[in-house]
Amino acid sequence: MSVKKIYDYQVDEKLELFVLIKSANVRIAKNGKKFIAFMLADSSGEISAKFWDASDKEIAAFQPGKVVLIKGKREIYQGNPQIKLFFVRLATTAEPHEPAAFVKRAPLKAAQMDDEINQIVFAITNPDWNRIVRFLLKKFHQQFFTYPAAKKNHHAFTGGLAYHSLSMLRLAQAIAHEYPVINAPLLYAGVILHDMGKTIELSGPVATSYTTAGNLIGHIVLIDEQIVLACHELQIDENTEDVLLLRHLILSHHGLLEYGSPIRPHLLEAEVLHQIDQIDASIQMLSGVLEHTAPGEFSEKIFGMDGRNFYRPQLDNNSSK
């Protein structure tokens, strides 16, 4: 049995490997028969595949979170990578079958990220912001350091939420150093909390889906509610300017109303938070796709980047001009 992973296979190469079912959506083909639109994953990334003429028994068996053995061929369809499936079955207990082994992980370990984030918390010198941040980091600690930052787009891997937040904190430190007019403690507090609502919005790192609260309310409002609840627990007046400033950073961090923020940024720090969020998410999305794009070729279209595709230069990044 080959130990190669999904993206070790070349286009048109036949493959046989164990993968995790990340999502499985049942659809109806033009001939009226059911098929399963899979998103399959291992530690190298994820890829789509369609299982045609699926029986009710197969639909019941091939559920998100299950590990399966597949045989097929890697292809490109309408500019996007996919697998043409020849065969699928569930993995047995004598075979690789633990979902956690097939999940992509953050480049840093949770303990490393925890230590670095805690060091930056010391720089949040406003006592109310510091207490709120520490309270919520403790409350959602396990989820914060294991959950992805998204179901599909940016940082959609185990530990992605903390890694995204830490990357943004590093950017925030550099920007605050360059522009002393920025209230650094406010910006750091906003960065740490801005996506923490995803610990409630998402189901977890394996076969990630949206919870009922995630679908009906969303992570922005969910963490704003948690900030208010933290104020009640800590006996902090939620109507002070300090708390309102922090809540504004969270509520406005998507930048535009059509992107889910109930208010646009009206503070310098809120605008900076939105911009560094965009930068980090965009670079992670792009680097993840370009990693699987051959030099001299264009990538697949990226939904989170307005459906654009991107060229991977043949020059190595370290090449001097």
C-alpha atoms as a PDB file:
ATOM      1  CA  MET A   1       0.000   0.000   0.000  1.00  0.00           C
ATOM      2  CA  SER A   2       1.369   3.392  -0.974  1.00  0.00           C
ATOM      3  CA  VAL A   3       2.115   5.839   1.819  1.00  0.00           C
ATOM      4  CA  LYS A   4       1.749   8.796  -0.521  1.00  0.00           C
ATOM      5  CA  LYS A   5      -0.722  11.514   0.367  1.00  0.00           C
ATOM      6  CA  ILE A   6      -3.329  13.208  -1.834  1.00  0.00           C
ATOM      7  CA  TYR A   7      -1.100  15.917  -3.235  1.00  0.00           C
ATOM      8  CA  ASP A   8       1.863  13.603  -3.738  1.00  0.00           C
ATOM      9  CA  TYR A   9      -0.017  12.219  -6.730  1.00  0.00           C
ATOM     10  CA  GLN A  10       0.312  13.938 -10.087  1.00  0.00           C
ATOM     11  CA  VAL A  11      -2.567  14.797 -12.413  1.00  0.00           C
ATOM     12  CA  ASP A  12      -3.783  11.681 -14.294  1.00  0.00           C
ATOM     13  CA  GLU A  13      -1.918   9.410 -11.866  1.00  0.00           C
ATOM     14  CA  LYS A  14      -3.882   6.493 -10.388  1.00  0.00           C
ATOM     15  CA  LEU A  15      -4.058   6.466  -6.612  1.00  0.00           C
ATOM     16  CA  GLU A  16      -4.950   4.205  -3.706  1.00  0.00           C
ATOM     17  CA  LEU A  17      -4.934   5.630  -0.197  1.00  0.00           C
ATOM     18  CA  PHE A  18      -6.813   6.198   3.041  1.00  0.00           C
ATOM     19  CA  VAL A  19      -8.488   9.593   3.441  1.00  0.00           C
ATOM     20  CA  LEU A  20     -10.879  11.347   5.796  1.00  0.00           C
ATOM     21  CA  ILE A  21     -14.361  12.292   4.631  1.00  0.00           C
ATOM     22  CA  LYS A  22     -14.490  15.974   5.519  1.00  0.00           C
ATOM     23  CA  SER A  23     -17.939  16.555   4.006  1.00  0.00           C
ATOM     24  CA  ALA A  24     -20.440  14.415   2.102  1.00  0.00           C
ATOM     25  CA  ASN A  25     -23.358  16.120   0.390  1.00  0.00           C
ATOM     26  CA  VAL A  26     -26.017  13.972  -1.291  1.00  0.00           C
ATOM     27  CA  ARG A  27     -27.205  15.354  -4.635  1.00  0.00           C
ATOM     28  CA  ILE A  28     -29.341  14.251  -7.561  1.00  0.00           C
ATOM     29  CA  ALA A  29     -27.718  13.688 -10.976  1.00  0.00           C
ATOM     30  CA  LYS A  30     -29.371  14.502 -14.301  1.00  0.00           C
ATOM     31  CA  ASN A  31     -30.381  10.855 -14.633  1.00  0.00           C
ATOM     32  CA  GLY A  32     -32.304  11.105 -11.366  1.00  0.00           C
ATOM     33  CA  LYS A  33     -29.887   8.946  -9.371  1.00  0.00           C
ATOM     34  CA  LYS A  34     -28.238  10.023  -6.140  1.00  0.00           C
ATOM     35  CA  PHE A  35     -24.533  10.799  -5.875  1.00  0.00           C
ATOM     36  CA  ILE A  36     -22.271  11.990  -3.052  1.00  0.00           C
ATOM     37  CA  ALA A  37     -20.186  15.120  -3.474  1.00  0.00           C
ATOM     38  CA  PHE A  38     -17.233  14.439  -1.188  1.00  0.00           C
ATOM     39  CA  MET A  39     -14.563  16.689   0.225  1.00  0.00           C
ATOM     40  CA  LEU A  40     -11.745  14.315   1.114  1.00  0.00           C
ATOM     41  CA  ALA A  41      -8.724  15.197   3.215  1.00  0.00           C
ATOM     42  CA  ASP A  42      -5.429  14.093   4.676  1.00  0.00           C
ATOM     43  CA  SER A  43      -2.541  15.992   6.216  1.00  0.00           C
ATOM     44  CA  SER A  44      -1.483  17.303   2.778  1.00  0.00           C
ATOM     45  CA  GLY A  45      -4.769  19.086   2.125  1.00  0.00           C
ATOM     46  CA  GLU A  46      -8.263  18.447   0.809  1.00  0.00           C
ATOM     47  CA  ILE A  47      -9.758  17.637  -2.582  1.00  0.00           C
ATOM     48  CA  SER A  48     -13.220  17.094  -4.037  1.00  0.00           C
ATOM     49  CA  ALA A  49     -14.579  13.840  -5.453  1.00  0.00           C
ATOM     50  CA  LYS A  50     -17.942  12.543  -6.645  1.00  0.00           C
ATOM     51  CA  PHE A  51     -19.304   9.083  -5.876  1.00  0.00           C
ATOM     52  CA  TRP A  52     -21.900   8.282  -8.532  1.00  0.00           C
ATOM     53  CA  ASP A  53     -25.011   6.106  -8.240  1.00  0.00           C
ATOM     54  CA  ALA A  54     -24.779   5.966  -4.457  1.00  0.00           C
ATOM     55  CA  SER A  55     -27.127   3.558  -2.699  1.00  0.00           C
ATOM     56  CA  ASP A  56     -28.951   4.481   0.499  1.00  0.00           C
ATOM     57  CA  LYS A  57     -26.674   2.057   2.363  1.00  0.00           C
ATOM     58  CA  GLU A  58     -23.569   3.764   0.990  1.00  0.00           C
ATOM     59  CA  ILE A  59     -24.967   7.205   1.785  1.00  0.00           C
ATOM     60  CA  ALA A  60     -25.580   6.100   5.366  1.00  0.00           C
ATOM     61  CA  ALA A  61     -22.065   4.637   5.660  1.00  0.00           C
ATOM     62  CA  PHE A  62     -19.965   7.352   4.041  1.00  0.00           C
ATOM     63  CA  GLN A  63     -20.487  10.115   6.597  1.00  0.00           C
ATOM     64  CA  PRO A  64     -18.241  13.086   7.510  1.00  0.00           C
ATOM     65  CA  GLY A  65     -15.623  12.077  10.043  1.00  0.00           C
ATOM     66  CA  LYS A  66     -15.205   8.549   8.651  1.00  0.00           C
ATOM     67  CA  VAL A  67     -11.922   7.265   7.195  1.00  0.00           C
ATOM     68  CA  VAL A  68     -12.217   5.437   3.865  1.00  0.00           C
ATOM     69  CA  LEU A  69      -9.969   3.600   1.465  1.00  0.00           C
ATOM     70  CA  ILE A  70     -10.297   5.016  -2.026  1.00  0.00           C
ATOM     71  CA  LYS A  71      -9.039   4.006  -5.441  1.00  0.00           C
ATOM     72  CA  GLY A  72      -9.178   6.423  -8.316  1.00  0.00           C
ATOM     73  CA  LYS A  73      -7.283   8.955 -10.381  1.00  0.00           C
ATOM     74  CA  ARG A  74      -6.300  12.535  -9.700  1.00  0.00           C
ATOM     75  CA  GLU A  75      -7.742  14.940 -12.278  1.00  0.00           C
ATOM     76  CA  ILE A  76      -8.329  18.590 -13.060  1.00  0.00           C
ATOM     77  CA  TYR A  77     -11.960  19.538 -13.699  1.00  0.00           C
ATOM     78  CA  GLN A  78     -12.836  23.092 -14.772  1.00  0.00           C
ATOM     79  CA  GLY A  79      -9.499  24.283 -13.416  1.00  0.00           C
ATOM     80  CA  ASN A  80      -9.934  22.655 -10.006  1.00  0.00           C
ATOM     81  CA  PRO A  81      -8.267  19.506  -8.624  1.00  0.00           C
ATOM     82  CA  GLN A  82     -10.485  16.504  -8.004  1.00  0.00           C
ATOM     83  CA  ILE A  83     -10.352  12.719  -7.708  1.00  0.00           C
ATOM     84  CA  LYS A  84     -12.220  10.435 -10.096  1.00  0.00           C
ATOM     85  CA  LEU A  85     -13.336   7.604  -7.837  1.00  0.00           C
ATOM     86  CA  PHE A  86     -13.257   3.953  -8.915  1.00  0.00           C
ATOM     87  CA  PHE A  87     -13.766   2.381  -5.476  1.00  0.00           C
ATOM     88  CA  VAL A  88     -14.619   3.445  -1.901  1.00  0.00           C
ATOM     89  CA  ARG A  89     -15.003   1.494   1.332  1.00  0.00           C
ATOM     90  CA  LEU A  90     -14.799   2.219   5.048  1.00  0.00           C
ATOM     91  CA  ALA A  91     -11.476   1.581   6.765  1.00  0.00           C
ATOM     92  CA  THR A  92     -11.428  -1.351   9.193  1.00  0.00           C
ATOM     93  CA  THR A  93     -10.114  -1.204  12.750  1.00  0.00           C
ATOM     94  CA  ALA A  94      -7.019  -3.071  11.563  1.00  0.00           C
ATOM     95  CA  GLU A  95      -6.251  -0.247   9.108  1.00  0.00           C
ATOM     96  CA  PRO A  96      -5.594   3.491   9.590  1.00  0.00           C
ATOM     97  CA  HIS A  97      -8.988   4.663  10.842  1.00  0.00           C
ATOM     98  CA  GLU A  98      -8.455   7.438  13.408  1.00  0.00           C
ATOM     99  CA  PRO A  99      -9.763  10.728  11.922  1.00  0.00           C
ATOM    100  CA  ALA A 100      -7.228  12.843  13.832  1.00  0.00           C
ATOM    101  CA  ALA A 101      -4.391  11.246  11.841  1.00  0.00           C
ATOM    102  CA  PHE A 102      -5.797  12.681   8.596  1.00  0.00           C
ATOM    103  CA  VAL A 103      -6.268  16.275   9.699  1.00  0.00           C
ATOM    104  CA  LYS A 104      -3.877  19.017   8.647  1.00  0.00           C
ATOM    105  CA  ARG A 105      -2.329  20.838  11.607  1.00  0.00           C
ATOM    106  CA  ALA A 106      -0.940  24.275  12.369  1.00  0.00           C
ATOM    107  CA  PRO A 107       2.829  24.659  11.842  1.00  0.00           C
ATOM    108  CA  LEU A 108       3.271  25.419  15.549  1.00  0.00           C
ATOM    109  CA  LYS A 109       2.308  23.265  18.517  1.00  0.00           C
ATOM    110  CA  ALA A 110      -0.480  24.454  20.800  1.00  0.00           C
ATOM    111  CA  ALA A 111       1.901  24.944  23.735  1.00  0.00           C
ATOM    112  CA  GLN A 112       4.173  27.200  21.664  1.00  0.00           C
ATOM    113  CA  MET A 113       1.245  29.340  20.526  1.00  0.00           C
ATOM    114  CA  ASP A 114      -0.174  29.467  24.031  1.00  0.00           C
ATOM    115  CA  ASP A 115       3.128  30.728  25.466  1.00  0.00           C
ATOM    116  CA  GLU A 116       3.580  33.433  22.823  1.00  0.00           C
ATOM    117  CA  ILE A 117       0.005  34.676  23.067  1.00  0.00           C
ATOM    118  CA  ASN A 118       0.245  34.808  26.865  1.00  0.00           C
ATOM    119  CA  GLN A 119       3.384  36.938  26.607  1.00  0.00           C
ATOM    120  CA  ILE A 120       1.508  39.427  24.431  1.00  0.00           C
ATOM    121  CA  VAL A 121      -1.397  39.471  26.908  1.00  0.00           C
ATOM    122  CA  PHE A 122       1.015  41.130  29.375  1.00  0.00           C
ATOM    123  CA  ALA A 123       1.175  44.074  26.954  1.00  0.00           C
ATOM    124  CA  ILE A 124      -2.589  44.629  27.320  1.00  0.00           C
ATOM    125  CA  THR A 125      -2.103  47.151  30.100  1.00  0.00           C
ATOM    126  CA  ASN A 126      -5.700  48.339  30.338  1.00  0.00           C
ATOM    127  CA  PRO A 127      -7.028  46.348  33.327  1.00  0.00           C
ATOM    128  CA  ASP A 128     -10.535  45.791  31.950  1.00  0.00           C
ATOM    129  CA  TRP A 129      -9.343  44.574  28.544  1.00  0.00           C
ATOM    130  CA  ASN A 130      -6.710  42.395  30.190  1.00  0.00           C
ATOM    131  CA  ARG A 131      -9.196  40.750  32.554  1.00  0.00           C
ATOM    132  CA  ILE A 132     -11.742  40.133  29.786  1.00  0.00           C
ATOM    133  CA  VAL A 133      -9.128  38.611  27.477  1.00  0.00           C
ATOM    134  CA  ARG A 134      -7.695  36.366  30.197  1.00  0.00           C
ATOM    135  CA  PHE A 135     -11.180  35.281  31.285  1.00  0.00           C
ATOM    136  CA  LEU A 136     -12.246  34.286  27.765  1.00  0.00           C
ATOM    137  CA  LEU A 137      -8.908  32.661  26.898  1.00  0.00           C
ATOM    138  CA  LYS A 138      -9.331  30.473  29.965  1.00  0.00           C
ATOM    139  CA  LYS A 139     -13.008  29.749  29.240  1.00  0.00           C
ATOM    140  CA  PHE A 140     -12.408  28.638  25.644  1.00  0.00           C
ATOM    141  CA  HIS A 141      -8.799  27.490  26.016  1.00  0.00           C
ATOM    142  CA  GLN A 142      -9.112  23.939  24.700  1.00  0.00           C
ATOM    143  CA  GLN A 143     -11.222  24.944  21.692  1.00  0.00           C
ATOM    144  CA  PHE A 144      -9.171  28.044  20.883  1.00  0.00           C
ATOM    145  CA  PHE A 145      -5.949  26.048  20.481  1.00  0.00           C
ATOM    146  CA  THR A 146      -7.451  23.114  18.557  1.00  0.00           C
ATOM    147  CA  TYR A 147     -10.231  24.531  16.367  1.00  0.00           C
ATOM    148  CA  PRO A 148      -9.763  25.699  12.780  1.00  0.00           C
ATOM    149  CA  ALA A 149     -10.372  29.337  11.881  1.00  0.00           C
ATOM    150  CA  ALA A 150     -12.845  28.349   9.151  1.00  0.00           C
ATOM    151  CA  LYS A 151     -14.666  25.365   7.664  1.00  0.00           C
ATOM    152  CA  LYS A 152     -12.992  25.679   4.276  1.00  0.00           C
ATOM    153  CA  ASN A 153     -11.233  28.922   3.381  1.00  0.00           C
ATOM    154  CA  HIS A 154      -8.360  30.263   5.489  1.00  0.00           C
ATOM    155  CA  HIS A 155      -6.608  28.378   8.316  1.00  0.00           C
ATOM    156  CA  ALA A 156      -9.040  25.447   7.958  1.00  0.00           C
ATOM    157  CA  PHE A 157      -6.867  23.041   9.957  1.00  0.00           C
ATOM    158  CA  THR A 158      -6.388  21.879  13.532  1.00  0.00           C
ATOM    159  CA  GLY A 159      -5.012  24.771  15.587  1.00  0.00           C
ATOM    160  CA  GLY A 160      -5.784  27.192  12.761  1.00  0.00           C
ATOM    161  CA  LEU A 161      -7.769  29.545  14.982  1.00  0.00           C
ATOM    162  CA  ALA A 162      -4.901  30.134  17.404  1.00  0.00           C
ATOM    163  CA  TYR A 163      -2.337  30.211  14.582  1.00  0.00           C
ATOM    164  CA  HIS A 164      -4.347  32.842  12.687  1.00  0.00           C
ATOM    165  CA  SER A 165      -4.700  34.913  15.872  1.00  0.00           C
ATOM    166  CA  LEU A 166      -0.989  34.635  16.645  1.00  0.00           C
ATOM    167  CA  SER A 167       0.014  35.589  13.092  1.00  0.00           C
ATOM    168  CA  MET A 168      -2.217  38.646  13.375  1.00  0.00           C
ATOM    169  CA  LEU A 169      -0.730  39.527  16.762  1.00  0.00           C
ATOM    170  CA  ARG A 170       2.756  39.505  15.228  1.00  0.00           C
ATOM    171  CA  LEU A 171       1.543  41.834  12.478  1.00  0.00           C
ATOM    172  CA  ALA A 172      -0.198  44.020  15.059  1.00  0.00           C
ATOM    173  CA  GLN A 173       3.022  44.345  17.072  1.00  0.00           C
ATOM    174  CA  ALA A 174       5.003  45.424  14.004  1.00  0.00           C
ATOM    175  CA  ILE A 175       2.356  47.936  12.909  1.00  0.00           C
ATOM    176  CA  ALA A 176       1.915  49.377  16.410  1.00  0.00           C
ATOM    177  CA  HIS A 177       5.693  49.832  16.650  1.00  0.00           C
ATOM    178  CA  GLU A 178       5.734  51.661  13.310  1.00  0.00           C
ATOM    179  CA  TYR A 179       2.717  53.858  14.162  1.00  0.00           C
ATOM    180  CA  PRO A 180       2.775  54.933  17.842  1.00  0.00           C
ATOM    181  CA  VAL A 181      -0.601  56.649  17.386  1.00  0.00           C
ATOM    182  CA  ILE A 182      -2.218  53.200  17.539  1.00  0.00           C
ATOM    183  CA  ASN A 183      -3.519  52.063  20.925  1.00  0.00           C
ATOM    184  CA  ALA A 184      -1.576  48.797  20.995  1.00  0.00           C
ATOM    185  CA  PRO A 185      -3.282  47.227  24.048  1.00  0.00           C
ATOM    186  CA  LEU A 186      -6.699  47.761  22.439  1.00  0.00           C
ATOM    187  CA  LEU A 187      -5.511  46.309  19.138  1.00  0.00           C
ATOM    188  CA  TYR A 188      -3.965  43.234  20.804  1.00  0.00           C
ATOM    189  CA  ALA A 189      -7.133  42.578  22.821  1.00  0.00           C
ATOM    190  CA  GLY A 190      -9.240  42.882  19.676  1.00  0.00           C
ATOM    191  CA  VAL A 191      -6.990  40.526  17.718  1.00  0.00           C
ATOM    192  CA  ILE A 192      -7.101  37.805  20.390  1.00  0.00           C
ATOM    193  CA  LEU A 193     -10.888  37.952  20.703  1.00  0.00           C
ATOM    194  CA  HIS A 194     -11.972  38.754  17.129  1.00  0.00           C
ATOM    195  CA  ASP A 195     -12.509  35.155  15.980  1.00  0.00           C
ATOM    196  CA  MET A 196     -12.936  33.440  19.348  1.00  0.00           C
ATOM    197  CA  GLY A 197     -16.640  33.100  18.617  1.00  0.00           C
ATOM    198  CA  LYS A 198     -15.675  30.368  16.146  1.00  0.00           C
ATOM    199  CA  THR A 199     -15.235  28.078  19.145  1.00  0.00           C
ATOM    200  CA  ILE A 200     -19.043  28.263  19.339  1.00  0.00           C
ATOM    201  CA  GLU A 201     -19.794  28.732  15.634  1.00  0.00           C
ATOM    202  CA  LEU A 202     -17.892  25.620  14.476  1.00  0.00           C
ATOM    203  CA  SER A 203     -18.138  21.983  15.561  1.00  0.00           C
ATOM    204  CA  GLY A 204     -14.412  21.271  15.883  1.00  0.00           C
ATOM    205  CA  PRO A 205     -11.318  20.340  13.847  1.00  0.00           C
ATOM    206  CA  VAL A 206     -12.550  17.004  12.396  1.00  0.00           C
ATOM    207  CA  ALA A 207     -15.260  17.106   9.691  1.00  0.00           C
ATOM    208  CA  THR A 208     -15.873  20.740  10.605  1.00  0.00           C
ATOM    209  CA  SER A 209     -19.442  21.959  10.294  1.00  0.00           C
ATOM    210  CA  TYR A 210     -21.466  24.927  11.517  1.00  0.00           C
ATOM    211  CA  THR A 211     -23.365  24.547  14.765  1.00  0.00           C
ATOM    212  CA  THR A 212     -26.951  25.708  15.087  1.00  0.00           C
ATOM    213  CA  ALA A 213     -25.722  28.831  16.878  1.00  0.00           C
ATOM    214  CA  GLY A 214     -23.133  29.321  14.153  1.00  0.00           C
ATOM    215  CA  ASN A 215     -25.736  29.179  11.411  1.00  0.00           C
ATOM    216  CA  LEU A 216     -28.339  31.300  13.184  1.00  0.00           C
ATOM    217  CA  ILE A 217     -26.148  33.893  14.929  1.00  0.00           C
ATOM    218  CA  GLY A 218     -22.520  33.752  13.717  1.00  0.00           C
ATOM    219  CA  HIS A 219     -19.186  34.125  15.446  1.00  0.00           C
ATOM    220  CA  ILE A 220     -19.124  37.932  15.578  1.00  0.00           C
ATOM    221  CA  VAL A 221     -22.291  38.277  17.633  1.00  0.00           C
ATOM    222  CA  LEU A 222     -21.513  35.139  19.645  1.00  0.00           C
ATOM    223  CA  ILE A 223     -18.199  36.484  20.970  1.00  0.00           C
ATOM    224  CA  ASP A 224     -19.680  39.935  21.552  1.00  0.00           C
ATOM    225  CA  GLU A 225     -22.215  38.225  23.804  1.00  0.00           C
ATOM    226  CA  GLN A 226     -19.381  36.427  25.596  1.00  0.00           C
ATOM    227  CA  ILE A 227     -17.616  39.742  26.230  1.00  0.00           C
ATOM    228  CA  VAL A 228     -20.780  41.093  27.873  1.00  0.00           C
ATOM    229  CA  LEU A 229     -21.172  37.912  29.940  1.00  0.00           C
ATOM    230  CA  ALA A 230     -17.513  38.183  30.985  1.00  0.00           C
ATOM    231  CA  CYS A 231     -18.154  41.743  32.154  1.00  0.00           C
ATOM    232  CA  HIS A 232     -21.006  40.481  34.330  1.00  0.00           C
ATOM    233  CA  GLU A 233     -18.814  37.719  35.802  1.00  0.00           C
ATOM    234  CA  LEU A 234     -15.921  40.105  36.426  1.00  0.00           C
ATOM    235  CA  GLN A 235     -18.149  42.940  37.670  1.00  0.00           C
ATOM    236  CA  ILE A 236     -16.977  45.280  34.930  1.00  0.00           C
ATOM    237  CA  ASP A 237     -19.414  47.955  33.747  1.00  0.00           C
ATOM    238  CA  GLU A 238     -20.216  46.979  30.149  1.00  0.00           C
ATOM    239  CA  ASN A 239     -21.244  50.559  29.341  1.00  0.00           C
ATOM    240  CA  THR A 240     -17.830  52.128  29.927  1.00  0.00           C
ATOM    241  CA  GLU A 241     -16.008  53.538  26.915  1.00  0.00           C
ATOM    242  CA  ASP A 242     -13.242  50.947  27.306  1.00  0.00           C
ATOM    243  CA  VAL A 243     -15.642  48.034  26.904  1.00  0.00           C
ATOM    244  CA  LEU A 244     -17.530  49.722  24.068  1.00  0.00           C
ATOM    245  CA  LEU A 245     -14.262  50.288  22.184  1.00  0.00           C
ATOM    246  CA  LEU A 246     -13.314  46.622  22.536  1.00  0.00           C
ATOM    247  CA  ARG A 247     -16.757  45.461  21.433  1.00  0.00           C
ATOM    248  CA  HIS A 248     -16.608  47.790  18.425  1.00  0.00           C
ATOM    249  CA  LEU A 249     -13.364  46.166  17.245  1.00  0.00           C
ATOM    250  CA  ILE A 250     -15.020  42.755  17.351  1.00  0.00           C
ATOM    251  CA  LEU A 251     -18.293  43.818  15.744  1.00  0.00           C
ATOM    252  CA  SER A 252     -16.624  45.700  12.878  1.00  0.00           C
ATOM    253  CA  HIS A 253     -13.719  43.380  12.026  1.00  0.00           C
ATOM    254  CA  HIS A 254     -15.261  42.062   8.785  1.00  0.00           C
ATOM    255  CA  GLY A 255     -15.163  45.601   7.506  1.00  0.00           C
ATOM    256  CA  LEU A 256     -18.368  45.676   5.477  1.00  0.00           C
ATOM    257  CA  LEU A 257     -21.997  45.027   6.341  1.00  0.00           C
ATOM    258  CA  GLU A 258     -22.341  42.582   3.452  1.00  0.00           C
ATOM    259  CA  TYR A 259     -19.472  40.538   4.907  1.00  0.00           C
ATOM    260  CA  GLY A 260     -21.284  40.058   8.202  1.00  0.00           C
ATOM    261  CA  SER A 261     -20.237  42.974  10.403  1.00  0.00           C
ATOM    262  CA  PRO A 262     -23.178  44.837  11.952  1.00  0.00           C
ATOM    263  CA  ILE A 263     -21.120  48.046  11.909  1.00  0.00           C
ATOM    264  CA  ARG A 264     -18.221  49.317   9.787  1.00  0.00           C
ATOM    265  CA  PRO A 265     -14.943  50.297  11.516  1.00  0.00           C
ATOM    266  CA  HIS A 266     -15.088  53.738  13.155  1.00  0.00           C
ATOM    267  CA  LEU A 267     -11.868  53.518  15.164  1.00  0.00           C
ATOM    268  CA  LEU A 268      -8.278  53.544  13.951  1.00  0.00           C
ATOM    269  CA  GLU A 269      -7.609  50.276  15.751  1.00  0.00           C
ATOM    270  CA  ALA A 270     -10.772  48.720  14.291  1.00  0.00           C
ATOM    271  CA  GLU A 271      -9.640  49.562  10.760  1.00  0.00           C
ATOM    272  CA  VAL A 272      -6.160  48.159  11.444  1.00  0.00           C
ATOM    273  CA  LEU A 273      -7.667  44.971  12.879  1.00  0.00           C
ATOM    274  CA  HIS A 274      -9.804  44.527   9.772  1.00  0.00           C
ATOM    275  CA  GLN A 275      -6.850  45.099   7.445  1.00  0.00           C
ATOM    276  CA  ILE A 276      -4.459  42.682   9.157  1.00  0.00           C
ATOM    277  CA  ASP A 277      -7.242  40.088   9.319  1.00  0.00           C
ATOM    278  CA  GLN A 278      -7.614  40.432   5.549  1.00  0.00           C
ATOM    279  CA  ILE A 279      -3.853  40.243   4.977  1.00  0.00           C
ATOM    280  CA  ASP A 280      -3.316  37.126   7.067  1.00  0.00           C
ATOM    281  CA  ALA A 281      -6.360  35.280   5.723  1.00  0.00           C
ATOM    282  CA  SER A 282      -5.498  36.139   2.115  1.00  0.00           C
ATOM    283  CA  ILE A 283      -1.849  35.094   2.377  1.00  0.00           C
ATOM    284  CA  GLN A 284      -2.785  31.797   4.032  1.00  0.00           C
ATOM    285  CA  MET A 285      -5.407  31.038   1.371  1.00  0.00           C
ATOM    286  CA  LEU A 286      -3.006  31.887  -1.429  1.00  0.00           C
ATOM    287  CA  SER A 287      -0.018  30.019  -0.022  1.00  0.00           C
ATOM    288  CA  GLY A 288      -2.137  26.920   0.583  1.00  0.00           C
ATOM    289  CA  VAL A 289      -3.365  26.841  -3.021  1.00  0.00           C
ATOM    290  CA  LEU A 290      -0.020  27.780  -4.598  1.00  0.00           C
ATOM    291  CA  GLU A 291       1.641  24.970  -2.642  1.00  0.00           C
ATOM    292  CA  HIS A 292      -0.294  22.561  -4.884  1.00  0.00           C
ATOM    293  CA  THR A 293       0.248  24.558  -8.092  1.00  0.00           C
ATOM    294  CA  ALA A 294       3.100  23.706 -10.434  1.00  0.00           C
ATOM    295  CA  PRO A 295       5.632  26.507 -11.136  1.00  0.00           C
ATOM    296  CA  GLY A 296       4.713  28.320 -14.335  1.00  0.00           C
ATOM    297  CA  GLU A 297       1.017  27.461 -13.954  1.00  0.00           C
ATOM    298  CA  PHE A 298      -2.102  29.216 -12.667  1.00  0.00           C
ATOM    299  CA  SER A 299      -3.806  27.944  -9.532  1.00  0.00           C
ATOM    300  CA  GLU A 300      -7.384  26.805  -9.216  1.00  0.00           C
ATOM    301  CA  LYS A 301      -9.929  29.569  -8.704  1.00  0.00           C
ATOM    302  CA  ILE A 302     -10.114  30.646  -5.079  1.00  0.00           C
ATOM    303  CA  PHE A 303     -13.644  31.290  -3.809  1.00  0.00           C
ATOM    304  CA  GLY A 304     -12.428  33.430  -0.904  1.00  0.00           C
ATOM    305  CA  MET A 305     -10.458  35.648  -3.315  1.00  0.00           C
ATOM    306  CA  ASP A 306     -13.401  36.650  -5.533  1.00  0.00           C
ATOM    307  CA  GLY A 307     -12.959  33.551  -7.668  1.00  0.00           C
ATOM    308  CA  ARG A 308      -9.562  34.675  -8.978  1.00  0.00           C
ATOM    309  CA  ASN A 309      -6.749  32.286  -9.793  1.00  0.00           C
ATOM    310  CA  PHE A 310      -3.091  33.103  -9.175  1.00  0.00           C
ATOM    311  CA  TYR A 311       0.124  32.442 -11.065  1.00  0.00           C
ATOM    312  CA  ARG A 312       3.011  30.634  -9.412  1.00  0.00           C
ATOM    313  CA  PRO A 313       6.258  32.021 -10.829  1.00  0.00           C
ATOM    314  CA  GLN A 314       8.974  29.638 -11.935  1.00  0.00           C
ATOM    315  CA  LEU A 315      11.508  31.666  -9.959  1.00  0.00           C
ATOM    316  CA  ASP A 316      12.245  30.371  -6.486  1.00  0.00           C
ATOM    317  CA  ASN A 317      11.261  32.810  -3.709  1.00  0.00           C
ATOM    318  CA  ASN A 318      14.877  32.919  -2.574  1.00  0.00           C
ATOM    319  CA  SER A 319      16.247  33.748  -5.992  1.00  0.00           C
ATOM    320  CA  SER A 320      18.029  37.076  -6.189  1.00  0.00           C
ATOM    321  CA  LYS A 321      17.218  39.489  -8.965  1.00  0.00           C
END
